[in-house]
């Protein structure tokens, strides 16, 4: 399932909830930070980076579940390169969360 966001159209409460829920986990925030620094990464590259950073390993299955939640929230785009899924950050939902809700509380 893929979600598309319009920069000027706003998001529904359910979409906003998905974004905040996705941001509620430190591993998912680390994945977002990594994809912001270096877009277009395979699952293998994301796994290698998360392991190397703090010395603890997460299973590929666990990272895949985190990536799935980020994709459902619209924060990660997936493209195929042959048989490899390539992940990139989509900052649109973050901008919408700021514009639609966070800005009024700052």
PDB file of N, CA and C in Angstrom:
ATOM      1  N   UNK A   1       0.846  -1.174   0.000  1.00  0.00           N
ATOM      2  CA  UNK A   1       0.000   0.000   0.000  1.00  0.00           C
ATOM      3  C   UNK A   1       0.890   1.234   0.000  1.00  0.00           C
ATOM      4  N   UNK A   2       0.618   2.171  -0.861  1.00  0.00           N
ATOM      5  CA  UNK A   2       1.417   3.372  -0.967  1.00  0.00           C
ATOM      6  C   UNK A   2       0.535   4.579  -0.696  1.00  0.00           C
ATOM      7  N   UNK A   3       1.070   5.544   0.045  1.00  0.00           N
ATOM      8  CA  UNK A   3       0.336   6.754   0.360  1.00  0.00           C
ATOM      9  C   UNK A   3       1.006   7.915  -0.349  1.00  0.00           C
ATOM     10  N   UNK A   4       0.205   8.817  -0.888  1.00  0.00           N
ATOM     11  CA  UNK A   4       0.721   9.979  -1.581  1.00  0.00           C
ATOM     12  C   UNK A   4       0.256  11.221  -0.839  1.00  0.00           C
ATOM     13  N   UNK A   5       1.145  12.163  -0.718  1.00  0.00           N
ATOM     14  CA  UNK A   5       0.844  13.381   0.013  1.00  0.00           C
ATOM     15  C   UNK A   5       0.986  14.584  -0.907  1.00  0.00           C
ATOM     16  N   UNK A   6       0.090  15.488  -0.755  1.00  0.00           N
ATOM     17  CA  UNK A   6       0.146  16.750  -1.492  1.00  0.00           C
ATOM     18  C   UNK A   6       0.631  17.803  -0.504  1.00  0.00           C
ATOM     19  N   UNK A   7       1.638  18.537  -0.864  1.00  0.00           N
ATOM     20  CA  UNK A   7       2.221  19.502   0.058  1.00  0.00           C
ATOM     21  C   UNK A   7       1.193  20.524   0.518  1.00  0.00           C
ATOM     22  N   UNK A   8       0.243  20.875  -0.335  1.00  0.00           N
ATOM     23  CA  UNK A   8      -0.727  21.899   0.046  1.00  0.00           C
ATOM     24  C   UNK A   8      -2.071  21.313   0.468  1.00  0.00           C
ATOM     25  N   UNK A   9      -2.254  20.002   0.327  1.00  0.00           N
ATOM     26  CA  UNK A   9      -3.549  19.408   0.567  1.00  0.00           C
ATOM     27  C   UNK A   9      -3.824  19.003   1.999  1.00  0.00           C
ATOM     28  N   UNK A  10      -2.811  18.888   2.826  1.00  0.00           N
ATOM     29  CA  UNK A  10      -3.010  18.449   4.191  1.00  0.00           C
ATOM     30  C   UNK A  10      -3.161  16.950   4.276  1.00  0.00           C
ATOM     31  N   UNK A  11      -3.185  16.461   5.491  1.00  0.00           N
ATOM     32  CA  UNK A  11      -3.323  15.034   5.741  1.00  0.00           C
ATOM     33  C   UNK A  11      -4.491  14.821   6.695  1.00  0.00           C
ATOM     34  N   UNK A  12      -5.032  13.621   6.672  1.00  0.00           N
ATOM     35  CA  UNK A  12      -6.118  13.295   7.591  1.00  0.00           C
ATOM     36  C   UNK A  12      -5.544  13.001   8.968  1.00  0.00           C
ATOM     37  N   UNK A  13      -6.422  12.934   9.956  1.00  0.00           N
ATOM     38  CA  UNK A  13      -5.986  12.598  11.311  1.00  0.00           C
ATOM     39  C   UNK A  13      -5.338  11.213  11.346  1.00  0.00           C
ATOM     40  N   UNK A  14      -5.885  10.263  10.587  1.00  0.00           N
ATOM     41  CA  UNK A  14      -5.303   8.917  10.557  1.00  0.00           C
ATOM     42  C   UNK A  14      -3.893   8.937   9.969  1.00  0.00           C
ATOM     43  N   UNK A  15      -3.691   9.707   8.922  1.00  0.00           N
ATOM     44  CA  UNK A  15      -2.360   9.806   8.319  1.00  0.00           C
ATOM     45  C   UNK A  15      -1.379  10.475   9.275  1.00  0.00           C
ATOM     46  N   UNK A  16      -1.831  11.517   9.955  1.00  0.00           N
ATOM     47  CA  UNK A  16      -1.002  12.191  10.938  1.00  0.00           C
ATOM     48  C   UNK A  16      -0.653  11.246  12.079  1.00  0.00           C
ATOM     49  N   UNK A  17      -1.621  10.447  12.515  1.00  0.00           N
ATOM     50  CA  UNK A  17      -1.360   9.453  13.571  1.00  0.00           C
ATOM     51  C   UNK A  17      -0.294   8.454  13.143  1.00  0.00           C
ATOM     52  N   UNK A  18      -0.346   8.000  11.888  1.00  0.00           N
ATOM     53  CA  UNK A  18       0.651   7.041  11.387  1.00  0.00           C
ATOM     54  C   UNK A  18       2.048   7.649  11.402  1.00  0.00           C
ATOM     55  N   UNK A  19       2.159   8.930  11.031  1.00  0.00           N
ATOM     56  CA  UNK A  19       3.460   9.602  11.028  1.00  0.00           C
ATOM     57  C   UNK A  19       4.009   9.664  12.448  1.00  0.00           C
ATOM     58  N   UNK A  20       3.190  10.116  13.401  1.00  0.00           N
ATOM     59  CA  UNK A  20       3.676  10.241  14.772  1.00  0.00           C
ATOM     60  C   UNK A  20       3.974   8.880  15.400  1.00  0.00           C
ATOM     61  N   UNK A  21       3.176   7.876  15.077  1.00  0.00           N
ATOM     62  CA  UNK A  21       3.449   6.536  15.586  1.00  0.00           C
ATOM     63  C   UNK A  21       4.770   6.017  15.024  1.00  0.00           C
ATOM     64  N   UNK A  22       5.007   6.255  13.745  1.00  0.00           N
ATOM     65  CA  UNK A  22       6.264   5.822  13.133  1.00  0.00           C
ATOM     66  C   UNK A  22       7.453   6.530  13.773  1.00  0.00           C
ATOM     67  N   UNK A  23       7.287   7.804  14.123  1.00  0.00           N
ATOM     68  CA  UNK A  23       8.376   8.569  14.735  1.00  0.00           C
ATOM     69  C   UNK A  23       8.576   8.236  16.214  1.00  0.00           C
ATOM     70  N   UNK A  24       7.648   7.480  16.785  1.00  0.00           N
ATOM     71  CA  UNK A  24       7.707   7.171  18.213  1.00  0.00           C
ATOM     72  C   UNK A  24       8.745   6.136  18.599  1.00  0.00           C
ATOM     73  N   UNK A  25       9.400   5.524  17.651  1.00  0.00           N
ATOM     74  CA  UNK A  25      10.375   4.475  17.947  1.00  0.00           C
ATOM     75  C   UNK A  25      11.778   4.956  17.582  1.00  0.00           C
ATOM     76  N   UNK A  26      12.749   4.811  18.494  1.00  0.00           N
ATOM     77  CA  UNK A  26      14.096   5.313  18.210  1.00  0.00           C
ATOM     78  C   UNK A  26      14.776   4.615  17.029  1.00  0.00           C
ATOM     79  N   UNK A  27      14.491   3.344  16.820  1.00  0.00           N
ATOM     80  CA  UNK A  27      15.085   2.648  15.672  1.00  0.00           C
ATOM     81  C   UNK A  27      14.571   3.238  14.369  1.00  0.00           C
ATOM     82  N   UNK A  28      13.285   3.524  14.306  1.00  0.00           N
ATOM     83  CA  UNK A  28      12.728   4.120  13.092  1.00  0.00           C
ATOM     84  C   UNK A  28      13.285   5.520  12.875  1.00  0.00           C
ATOM     85  N   UNK A  29      13.488   6.271  13.957  1.00  0.00           N
ATOM     86  CA  UNK A  29      14.091   7.603  13.805  1.00  0.00           C
ATOM     87  C   UNK A  29      15.528   7.485  13.291  1.00  0.00           C
ATOM     88  N   UNK A  30      16.259   6.472  13.747  1.00  0.00           N
ATOM     89  CA  UNK A  30      17.627   6.254  13.250  1.00  0.00           C
ATOM     90  C   UNK A  30      17.609   5.892  11.772  1.00  0.00           C
ATOM     91  N   UNK A  31      16.639   5.085  11.361  1.00  0.00           N
ATOM     92  CA  UNK A  31      16.518   4.739   9.936  1.00  0.00           C
ATOM     93  C   UNK A  31      16.246   5.997   9.127  1.00  0.00           C
ATOM     94  N   UNK A  32      15.338   6.846   9.598  1.00  0.00           N
ATOM     95  CA  UNK A  32      15.038   8.103   8.904  1.00  0.00           C
ATOM     96  C   UNK A  32      16.280   8.974   8.818  1.00  0.00           C
ATOM     97  N   UNK A  33      17.021   9.094   9.924  1.00  0.00           N
ATOM     98  CA  UNK A  33      18.246   9.894   9.914  1.00  0.00           C
ATOM     99  C   UNK A  33      19.235   9.350   8.887  1.00  0.00           C
ATOM    100  N   UNK A  34      19.375   8.042   8.853  1.00  0.00           N
ATOM    101  CA  UNK A  34      20.312   7.406   7.913  1.00  0.00           C
ATOM    102  C   UNK A  34      19.894   7.666   6.459  1.00  0.00           C
ATOM    103  N   UNK A  35      18.601   7.541   6.178  1.00  0.00           N
ATOM    104  CA  UNK A  35      18.128   7.760   4.813  1.00  0.00           C
ATOM    105  C   UNK A  35      18.196   9.228   4.416  1.00  0.00           C
ATOM    106  N   UNK A  36      18.114  10.125   5.385  1.00  0.00           N
ATOM    107  CA  UNK A  36      18.274  11.557   5.099  1.00  0.00           C
ATOM    108  C   UNK A  36      19.734  11.837   4.725  1.00  0.00           C
ATOM    109  N   UNK A  37      20.660  11.221   5.465  1.00  0.00           N
ATOM    110  CA  UNK A  37      22.078  11.428   5.202  1.00  0.00           C
ATOM    111  C   UNK A  37      22.515  10.784   3.892  1.00  0.00           C
ATOM    112  N   UNK A  38      21.959   9.608   3.636  1.00  0.00           N
ATOM    113  CA  UNK A  38      22.351   8.865   2.431  1.00  0.00           C
ATOM    114  C   UNK A  38      21.139   8.137   1.873  1.00  0.00           C
ATOM    115  N   UNK A  39      20.463   8.724   0.897  1.00  0.00           N
ATOM    116  CA  UNK A  39      19.266   8.099   0.324  1.00  0.00           C
ATOM    117  C   UNK A  39      19.616   6.857  -0.505  1.00  0.00           C
ATOM    118  N   UNK A  40      18.571   6.172  -0.912  1.00  0.00           N
ATOM    119  CA  UNK A  40      18.672   5.027  -1.814  1.00  0.00           C
ATOM    120  C   UNK A  40      19.568   3.921  -1.250  1.00  0.00           C
ATOM    121  N   UNK A  41      19.080   3.307  -0.171  1.00  0.00           N
ATOM    122  CA  UNK A  41      19.814   2.216   0.457  1.00  0.00           C
ATOM    123  C   UNK A  41      19.007   0.932   0.413  1.00  0.00           C
ATOM    124  N   UNK A  42      19.708  -0.162   0.277  1.00  0.00           N
ATOM    125  CA  UNK A  42      19.080  -1.477   0.336  1.00  0.00           C
ATOM    126  C   UNK A  42      18.889  -1.877   1.798  1.00  0.00           C
ATOM    127  N   UNK A  43      18.117  -2.914   2.017  1.00  0.00           N
ATOM    128  CA  UNK A  43      17.932  -3.440   3.362  1.00  0.00           C
ATOM    129  C   UNK A  43      19.274  -3.840   3.960  1.00  0.00           C
ATOM    130  N   UNK A  44      20.126  -4.458   3.162  1.00  0.00           N
ATOM    131  CA  UNK A  44      21.446  -4.871   3.640  1.00  0.00           C
ATOM    132  C   UNK A  44      22.238  -3.672   4.155  1.00  0.00           C
ATOM    133  N   UNK A  45      22.233  -2.566   3.410  1.00  0.00           N
ATOM    134  CA  UNK A  45      22.976  -1.373   3.828  1.00  0.00           C
ATOM    135  C   UNK A  45      22.415  -0.788   5.117  1.00  0.00           C
ATOM    136  N   UNK A  46      21.103  -0.766   5.236  1.00  0.00           N
ATOM    137  CA  UNK A  46      20.476  -0.234   6.453  1.00  0.00           C
ATOM    138  C   UNK A  46      20.823  -1.122   7.644  1.00  0.00           C
ATOM    139  N   UNK A  47      20.739  -2.437   7.461  1.00  0.00           N
ATOM    140  CA  UNK A  47      21.080  -3.378   8.541  1.00  0.00           C
ATOM    141  C   UNK A  47      22.532  -3.209   8.975  1.00  0.00           C
ATOM    142  N   UNK A  48      23.438  -3.105   8.008  1.00  0.00           N
ATOM    143  CA  UNK A  48      24.861  -2.969   8.322  1.00  0.00           C
ATOM    144  C   UNK A  48      25.128  -1.701   9.115  1.00  0.00           C
ATOM    145  N   UNK A  49      24.477  -0.620   8.754  1.00  0.00           N
ATOM    146  CA  UNK A  49      24.691   0.643   9.455  1.00  0.00           C
ATOM    147  C   UNK A  49      24.137   0.583  10.879  1.00  0.00           C
ATOM    148  N   UNK A  50      22.960   0.048  11.043  1.00  0.00           N
ATOM    149  CA  UNK A  50      22.356   0.003  12.377  1.00  0.00           C
ATOM    150  C   UNK A  50      23.167  -0.895  13.301  1.00  0.00           C
ATOM    151  N   UNK A  51      23.736  -1.968  12.785  1.00  0.00           N
ATOM    152  CA  UNK A  51      24.569  -2.842  13.605  1.00  0.00           C
ATOM    153  C   UNK A  51      25.864  -2.136  13.986  1.00  0.00           C
ATOM    154  N   UNK A  52      26.487  -1.483  13.035  1.00  0.00           N
ATOM    155  CA  UNK A  52      27.796  -0.879  13.256  1.00  0.00           C
ATOM    156  C   UNK A  52      27.732   0.297  14.228  1.00  0.00           C
ATOM    157  N   UNK A  53      26.615   0.973  14.281  1.00  0.00           N
ATOM    158  CA  UNK A  53      26.529   2.193  15.078  1.00  0.00           C
ATOM    159  C   UNK A  53      26.614   1.948  16.587  1.00  0.00           C
ATOM    160  N   UNK A  54      25.921   0.945  17.098  1.00  0.00           N
ATOM    161  CA  UNK A  54      25.920   0.766  18.546  1.00  0.00           C
ATOM    162  C   UNK A  54      26.346  -0.635  18.995  1.00  0.00           C
ATOM    163  N   UNK A  55      26.743  -1.484  18.066  1.00  0.00           N
ATOM    164  CA  UNK A  55      27.248  -2.795  18.438  1.00  0.00           C
ATOM    165  C   UNK A  55      26.194  -3.851  18.690  1.00  0.00           C
ATOM    166  N   UNK A  56      24.943  -3.479  18.699  1.00  0.00           N
ATOM    167  CA  UNK A  56      23.886  -4.474  18.866  1.00  0.00           C
ATOM    168  C   UNK A  56      23.237  -4.737  17.522  1.00  0.00           C
ATOM    169  N   UNK A  57      22.862  -5.952  17.319  1.00  0.00           N
ATOM    170  CA  UNK A  57      22.289  -6.326  16.024  1.00  0.00           C
ATOM    171  C   UNK A  57      20.776  -6.445  16.123  1.00  0.00           C
ATOM    172  N   UNK A  58      20.107  -5.923  15.140  1.00  0.00           N
ATOM    173  CA  UNK A  58      18.677  -6.162  14.960  1.00  0.00           C
ATOM    174  C   UNK A  58      18.553  -7.141  13.804  1.00  0.00           C
ATOM    175  N   UNK A  59      17.595  -8.009  13.872  1.00  0.00           N
ATOM    176  CA  UNK A  59      17.411  -8.960  12.785  1.00  0.00           C
ATOM    177  C   UNK A  59      16.911  -8.240  11.540  1.00  0.00           C
ATOM    178  N   UNK A  60      17.159  -8.852  10.387  1.00  0.00           N
ATOM    179  CA  UNK A  60      16.629  -8.282   9.149  1.00  0.00           C
ATOM    180  C   UNK A  60      15.122  -8.187   9.208  1.00  0.00           C
ATOM    181  N   UNK A  61      14.501  -9.186   9.832  1.00  0.00           N
ATOM    182  CA  UNK A  61      13.045  -9.184   9.945  1.00  0.00           C
ATOM    183  C   UNK A  61      12.568  -7.981  10.764  1.00  0.00           C
ATOM    184  N   UNK A  62      13.249  -7.670  11.852  1.00  0.00           N
ATOM    185  CA  UNK A  62      12.866  -6.527  12.691  1.00  0.00           C
ATOM    186  C   UNK A  62      13.010  -5.217  11.918  1.00  0.00           C
ATOM    187  N   UNK A  63      14.120  -5.076  11.188  1.00  0.00           N
ATOM    188  CA  UNK A  63      14.329  -3.855  10.424  1.00  0.00           C
ATOM    189  C   UNK A  63      13.309  -3.758   9.289  1.00  0.00           C
ATOM    190  N   UNK A  64      12.983  -4.883   8.675  1.00  0.00           N
ATOM    191  CA  UNK A  64      11.959  -4.895   7.628  1.00  0.00           C
ATOM    192  C   UNK A  64      10.619  -4.419   8.185  1.00  0.00           C
ATOM    193  N   UNK A  65      10.282  -4.848   9.391  1.00  0.00           N
ATOM    194  CA  UNK A  65       9.024  -4.406  10.007  1.00  0.00           C
ATOM    195  C   UNK A  65       9.047  -2.904  10.276  1.00  0.00           C
ATOM    196  N   UNK A  66      10.183  -2.382  10.716  1.00  0.00           N
ATOM    197  CA  UNK A  66      10.303  -0.935  10.925  1.00  0.00           C
ATOM    198  C   UNK A  66      10.153  -0.191   9.597  1.00  0.00           C
ATOM    199  N   UNK A  67      10.805  -0.696   8.559  1.00  0.00           N
ATOM    200  CA  UNK A  67      10.697  -0.068   7.243  1.00  0.00           C
ATOM    201  C   UNK A  67       9.266  -0.114   6.711  1.00  0.00           C
ATOM    202  N   UNK A  68       8.561  -1.219   6.971  1.00  0.00           N
ATOM    203  CA  UNK A  68       7.164  -1.319   6.544  1.00  0.00           C
ATOM    204  C   UNK A  68       6.300  -0.256   7.217  1.00  0.00           C
ATOM    205  N   UNK A  69       6.534  -0.039   8.505  1.00  0.00           N
ATOM    206  CA  UNK A  69       5.751   0.971   9.213  1.00  0.00           C
ATOM    207  C   UNK A  69       6.082   2.363   8.684  1.00  0.00           C
ATOM    208  N   UNK A  70       7.346   2.613   8.403  1.00  0.00           N
ATOM    209  CA  UNK A  70       7.736   3.908   7.836  1.00  0.00           C
ATOM    210  C   UNK A  70       7.124   4.105   6.456  1.00  0.00           C
ATOM    211  N   UNK A  71       7.052   3.040   5.675  1.00  0.00           N
ATOM    212  CA  UNK A  71       6.440   3.137   4.343  1.00  0.00           C
ATOM    213  C   UNK A  71       4.937   3.401   4.465  1.00  0.00           C
ATOM    214  N   UNK A  72       4.266   2.717   5.378  1.00  0.00           N
ATOM    215  CA  UNK A  72       2.828   2.927   5.565  1.00  0.00           C
ATOM    216  C   UNK A  72       2.522   4.349   6.019  1.00  0.00           C
ATOM    217  N   UNK A  73       3.466   4.949   6.745  1.00  0.00           N
ATOM    218  CA  UNK A  73       3.289   6.337   7.179  1.00  0.00           C
ATOM    219  C   UNK A  73       3.655   7.313   6.063  1.00  0.00           C
ATOM    220  N   UNK A  74       4.178   6.798   4.946  1.00  0.00           N
ATOM    221  CA  UNK A  74       4.543   7.647   3.824  1.00  0.00           C
ATOM    222  C   UNK A  74       5.925   8.258   3.947  1.00  0.00           C
ATOM    223  N   UNK A  75       6.686   7.854   4.968  1.00  0.00           N
ATOM    224  CA  UNK A  75       7.992   8.458   5.220  1.00  0.00           C
ATOM    225  C   UNK A  75       9.118   7.826   4.414  1.00  0.00           C
ATOM    226  N   UNK A  76       8.891   6.625   3.901  1.00  0.00           N
ATOM    227  CA  UNK A  76       9.905   5.923   3.109  1.00  0.00           C
ATOM    228  C   UNK A  76       9.281   5.496   1.787  1.00  0.00           C
ATOM    229  N   UNK A  77       9.998   5.789   0.713  1.00  0.00           N
ATOM    230  CA  UNK A  77       9.615   5.336  -0.629  1.00  0.00           C
ATOM    231  C   UNK A  77      10.463   4.121  -0.973  1.00  0.00           C
ATOM    232  N   UNK A  78       9.866   3.204  -1.709  1.00  0.00           N
ATOM    233  CA  UNK A  78      10.588   2.016  -2.138  1.00  0.00           C
ATOM    234  C   UNK A  78      10.557   1.933  -3.651  1.00  0.00           C
ATOM    235  N   UNK A  79      11.715   1.712  -4.222  1.00  0.00           N
ATOM    236  CA  UNK A  79      11.848   1.480  -5.657  1.00  0.00           C
ATOM    237  C   UNK A  79      12.621   0.180  -5.820  1.00  0.00           C
ATOM    238  N   UNK A  80      12.421  -0.442  -6.930  1.00  0.00           N
ATOM    239  CA  UNK A  80      13.113  -1.698  -7.201  1.00  0.00           C
ATOM    240  C   UNK A  80      14.286  -1.452  -8.136  1.00  0.00           C
ATOM    241  N   UNK A  81      15.394  -2.083  -7.831  1.00  0.00           N
ATOM    242  CA  UNK A  81      16.555  -2.115  -8.708  1.00  0.00           C
ATOM    243  C   UNK A  81      16.874  -3.591  -8.911  1.00  0.00           C
ATOM    244  N   UNK A  82      16.371  -4.142  -9.996  1.00  0.00           N
ATOM    245  CA  UNK A  82      16.470  -5.591 -10.185  1.00  0.00           C
ATOM    246  C   UNK A  82      15.603  -6.280  -9.149  1.00  0.00           C
ATOM    247  N   UNK A  83      16.236  -7.116  -8.331  1.00  0.00           N
ATOM    248  CA  UNK A  83      15.497  -7.804  -7.266  1.00  0.00           C
ATOM    249  C   UNK A  83      15.695  -7.161  -5.897  1.00  0.00           C
ATOM    250  N   UNK A  84      16.306  -5.994  -5.886  1.00  0.00           N
ATOM    251  CA  UNK A  84      16.622  -5.315  -4.625  1.00  0.00           C
ATOM    252  C   UNK A  84      15.687  -4.135  -4.412  1.00  0.00           C
ATOM    253  N   UNK A  85      15.131  -4.070  -3.198  1.00  0.00           N
ATOM    254  CA  UNK A  85      14.307  -2.917  -2.828  1.00  0.00           C
ATOM    255  C   UNK A  85      15.222  -1.806  -2.343  1.00  0.00           C
ATOM    256  N   UNK A  86      15.056  -0.633  -2.922  1.00  0.00           N
ATOM    257  CA  UNK A  86      15.868   0.525  -2.553  1.00  0.00           C
ATOM    258  C   UNK A  86      14.980   1.494  -1.781  1.00  0.00           C
ATOM    259  N   UNK A  87      15.435   1.896  -0.598  1.00  0.00           N
ATOM    260  CA  UNK A  87      14.654   2.741   0.312  1.00  0.00           C
ATOM    261  C   UNK A  87      15.184   4.165   0.299  1.00  0.00           C
ATOM    262  N   UNK A  88      14.266   5.126   0.257  1.00  0.00           N
ATOM    263  CA  UNK A  88      14.615   6.550   0.315  1.00  0.00           C
ATOM    264  C   UNK A  88      13.613   7.265   1.217  1.00  0.00           C
ATOM    265  N   UNK A  89      14.080   8.307   1.861  1.00  0.00           N
ATOM    266  CA  UNK A  89      13.223   9.128   2.714  1.00  0.00           C
ATOM    267  C   UNK A  89      12.311   9.990   1.862  1.00  0.00           C
ATOM    268  N   UNK A  90      11.054  10.094   2.265  1.00  0.00           N
ATOM    269  CA  UNK A  90      10.116  11.041   1.660  1.00  0.00           C
ATOM    270  C   UNK A  90       9.733  12.034   2.763  1.00  0.00           C
ATOM    271  N   UNK A  91      10.284  13.246   2.754  1.00  0.00           N
ATOM    272  CA  UNK A  91      10.029  14.202   3.831  1.00  0.00           C
ATOM    273  C   UNK A  91       8.658  14.871   3.774  1.00  0.00           C
ATOM    274  N   UNK A  92       7.870  14.608   2.729  1.00  0.00           N
ATOM    275  CA  UNK A  92       6.560  15.253   2.590  1.00  0.00           C
ATOM    276  C   UNK A  92       5.659  15.102   3.811  1.00  0.00           C
ATOM    277  N   UNK A  93       5.473  13.882   4.335  1.00  0.00           N
ATOM    278  CA  UNK A  93       4.620  13.733   5.510  1.00  0.00           C
ATOM    279  C   UNK A  93       5.151  14.459   6.743  1.00  0.00           C
ATOM    280  N   UNK A  94       6.470  14.575   6.867  1.00  0.00           N
ATOM    281  CA  UNK A  94       7.038  15.336   7.991  1.00  0.00           C
ATOM    282  C   UNK A  94       6.691  16.812   7.854  1.00  0.00           C
ATOM    283  N   UNK A  95       6.815  17.330   6.634  1.00  0.00           N
ATOM    284  CA  UNK A  95       6.449  18.737   6.399  1.00  0.00           C
ATOM    285  C   UNK A  95       4.975  18.973   6.702  1.00  0.00           C
ATOM    286  N   UNK A  96       4.138  18.028   6.270  1.00  0.00           N
ATOM    287  CA  UNK A  96       2.701  18.155   6.523  1.00  0.00           C
ATOM    288  C   UNK A  96       2.407  18.137   8.021  1.00  0.00           C
ATOM    289  N   UNK A  97       3.097  17.269   8.773  1.00  0.00           N
ATOM    290  CA  UNK A  97       2.887  17.210  10.227  1.00  0.00           C
ATOM    291  C   UNK A  97       3.264  18.540  10.867  1.00  0.00           C
ATOM    292  N   UNK A  98       4.354  19.128  10.400  1.00  0.00           N
ATOM    293  CA  UNK A  98       4.769  20.440  10.920  1.00  0.00           C
ATOM    294  C   UNK A  98       3.749  21.498  10.546  1.00  0.00           C
ATOM    295  N   UNK A  99       3.395  21.544   9.268  1.00  0.00           N
ATOM    296  CA  UNK A  99       2.487  22.591   8.796  1.00  0.00           C
ATOM    297  C   UNK A  99       1.091  22.457   9.383  1.00  0.00           C
ATOM    298  N   UNK A 100       0.620  21.240   9.496  1.00  0.00           N
ATOM    299  CA  UNK A 100      -0.763  21.047   9.905  1.00  0.00           C
ATOM    300  C   UNK A 100      -0.963  21.040  11.414  1.00  0.00           C
ATOM    301  N   UNK A 101       0.049  20.601  12.171  1.00  0.00           N
ATOM    302  CA  UNK A 101      -0.200  20.460  13.593  1.00  0.00           C
ATOM    303  C   UNK A 101       0.913  21.022  14.470  1.00  0.00           C
ATOM    304  N   UNK A 102       2.157  20.663  14.226  1.00  0.00           N
ATOM    305  CA  UNK A 102       3.236  21.053  15.123  1.00  0.00           C
ATOM    306  C   UNK A 102       3.458  22.559  15.182  1.00  0.00           C
ATOM    307  N   UNK A 103       3.381  23.206  14.036  1.00  0.00           N
ATOM    308  CA  UNK A 103       3.658  24.658  13.987  1.00  0.00           C
ATOM    309  C   UNK A 103       2.751  25.443  14.936  1.00  0.00           C
ATOM    310  N   UNK A 104       1.529  25.000  15.107  1.00  0.00           N
ATOM    311  CA  UNK A 104       0.607  25.734  15.986  1.00  0.00           C
ATOM    312  C   UNK A 104       0.973  25.590  17.466  1.00  0.00           C
ATOM    313  N   UNK A 105       1.879  24.668  17.765  1.00  0.00           N
ATOM    314  CA  UNK A 105       2.280  24.452  19.164  1.00  0.00           C
ATOM    315  C   UNK A 105       3.692  24.958  19.447  1.00  0.00           C
ATOM    316  N   UNK A 106       4.302  25.574  18.475  1.00  0.00           N
ATOM    317  CA  UNK A 106       5.663  26.093  18.673  1.00  0.00           C
ATOM    318  C   UNK A 106       5.655  27.563  19.010  1.00  0.00           C
TER     319      UNK A 106
END
